[in-house]
Structures are given as structure tokens and as C-alpha cells.
Amino acid sequence: MDLSLSGSTASAQAAPKSRVTMTTGGSSRPAAASGSGDFKAGDKVAHGKWGTGTIVAVKGSGNDMELQIAFPAPVGVKRLLAGFAPITKVE
């Protein structure tokens, strides 16, 4: 950058802006959590923030599978997408 002082005014020329493009080789969807097709009502699952819960309902399939999981109070019942939820099945 060229800074020249001329009297009481300063002039600056900005460097040209560069353009950055980011690409990824994979899908924008994360990998399914713990084989999302394996979940069914009655299964126990562990969640990093909410602890261990029990699946009370399952709707849909694949990454769109919605799980209703009952966690201990004060958390309660949460609806999570199996393909995105950070859960693992507890045997």
C-alpha cells in the first residue's frame, strides 16, 4: 500500500481484494448417527449434553428419521433427527 503525505491530506491506494472460494468434497449432510436405521421405540441412547434417554417414538426413515427421546428431568422429551443428532445407542 502506497501512503503519501501531501500537505495536510493523505492518500492511500487499497490493494485489490482477492476472492476466496471454499469447496468440500462431500455432502453438506453429516454422517448418520450410529446407524440411524437401527433405532426403535424402547431403545436407550446417550446424548453428550442431555445424558441417557429412552426412545418413545420413531417417525420416518434414514436421515429424516425423527426420534422422540425421553430424557431425565429437567430435560424431558426431545424431538431429534437421527441423521444429525449427536446420539449413540446404549446396549
Protein backbone atom coordinates (compact mmCIF):
# COMPACT_ATOMS: atom_id res chain seq x y z
CA MET A 1 0.00 0.00 0.00
CA ASP A 2 1.40 3.39 -1.01
CA LEU A 3 0.90 6.14 1.57
CA SER A 4 1.96 9.60 0.50
CA LEU A 5 1.56 12.70 2.61
CA SER A 6 0.92 15.83 0.62
CA GLY A 7 0.34 18.86 2.78
CA SER A 8 -2.41 18.08 5.27
CA THR A 9 -4.07 15.34 3.21
CA ALA A 10 -3.09 11.71 2.98
CA SER A 11 -3.96 9.48 0.08
CA ALA A 12 -3.94 5.72 0.16
CA GLN A 13 -4.44 3.20 -2.55
CA ALA A 14 -6.09 0.00 -1.40
CA ALA A 15 -4.68 -3.27 -2.63
CA PRO A 16 -7.03 -5.26 -4.87
CA LYS A 17 -9.27 -7.65 -2.98
CA SER A 18 -8.76 -11.32 -3.53
CA ARG A 19 -11.67 -13.71 -3.80
CA VAL A 20 -11.58 -16.98 -1.90
CA THR A 21 -13.82 -19.89 -2.78
CA MET A 22 -14.13 -22.84 -0.43
CA THR A 23 -15.31 -26.20 -1.62
CA THR A 24 -15.71 -29.52 0.09
CA GLY A 25 -15.59 -32.92 -1.46
CA GLY A 26 -18.51 -34.37 0.46
CA SER A 27 -22.15 -33.82 1.15
CA SER A 28 -23.40 -30.96 3.29
CA ARG A 29 -25.14 -33.51 5.50
CA PRO A 30 -23.19 -35.16 8.30
CA ALA A 31 -22.93 -38.91 8.51
CA ALA A 32 -25.89 -40.59 10.16
CA ALA A 33 -25.56 -41.00 13.90
CA SER A 34 -24.80 -44.55 14.96
CA GLY A 35 -26.55 -46.25 12.03
CA SER A 36 -29.77 -44.26 12.13
CA GLY A 37 -31.81 -47.15 10.69
CA ASP A 38 -31.24 -49.17 13.86
CA PHE A 39 -33.35 -47.03 16.22
CA LYS A 40 -36.72 -48.20 17.54
CA ALA A 41 -39.05 -47.32 20.39
CA GLY A 42 -37.69 -48.61 23.69
CA ASP A 43 -34.01 -48.25 22.72
CA LYS A 44 -31.71 -46.45 25.15
CA VAL A 45 -29.47 -43.72 23.73
CA ALA A 46 -26.76 -41.46 25.12
CA HIS A 47 -26.53 -37.74 24.30
CA GLY A 48 -23.47 -35.66 25.25
CA LYS A 49 -25.47 -32.81 26.79
CA TRP A 50 -28.74 -34.39 27.95
CA GLY A 51 -27.49 -37.77 29.19
CA THR A 52 -29.15 -41.15 28.70
CA GLY A 53 -32.69 -41.29 27.37
CA THR A 54 -35.26 -43.74 26.03
CA ILE A 55 -36.73 -43.53 22.53
CA VAL A 56 -40.51 -43.27 22.90
CA ALA A 57 -41.45 -42.80 19.21
CA VAL A 58 -39.87 -43.13 15.75
CA LYS A 59 -41.20 -41.46 12.59
CA GLY A 60 -39.74 -41.53 9.07
CA SER A 61 -36.57 -43.24 7.87
CA GLY A 62 -32.91 -42.62 7.01
CA ASN A 63 -31.50 -39.14 7.73
CA ASP A 64 -35.08 -37.86 8.00
CA MET A 65 -35.94 -40.29 10.81
CA GLU A 66 -37.35 -38.29 13.72
CA LEU A 67 -36.85 -39.69 17.20
CA GLN A 68 -38.77 -38.65 20.29
CA ILE A 69 -36.48 -39.31 23.22
CA ALA A 70 -37.43 -39.03 26.89
CA PHE A 71 -34.51 -37.72 28.96
CA PRO A 72 -34.50 -37.40 32.76
CA ALA A 73 -35.95 -34.22 34.33
CA PRO A 74 -35.50 -31.35 33.85
CA VAL A 75 -34.70 -32.08 30.16
CA GLY A 76 -37.87 -34.00 29.28
CA VAL A 77 -38.88 -35.27 25.83
CA LYS A 78 -36.88 -34.01 22.83
CA ARG A 79 -37.53 -34.49 19.10
CA LEU A 80 -34.29 -35.13 17.21
CA LEU A 81 -33.37 -36.12 13.65
CA ALA A 82 -31.44 -39.39 13.77
CA GLY A 83 -29.10 -38.33 10.96
CA PHE A 84 -27.99 -35.17 12.77
CA ALA A 85 -28.36 -35.84 16.50
CA PRO A 86 -25.16 -36.48 18.47
CA ILE A 87 -26.50 -39.69 20.00
CA THR A 88 -25.25 -43.24 20.33
CA LYS A 89 -27.23 -46.35 21.06
CA VAL A 90 -26.63 -47.82 24.52
CA GLU A 91 -26.76 -51.60 24.69
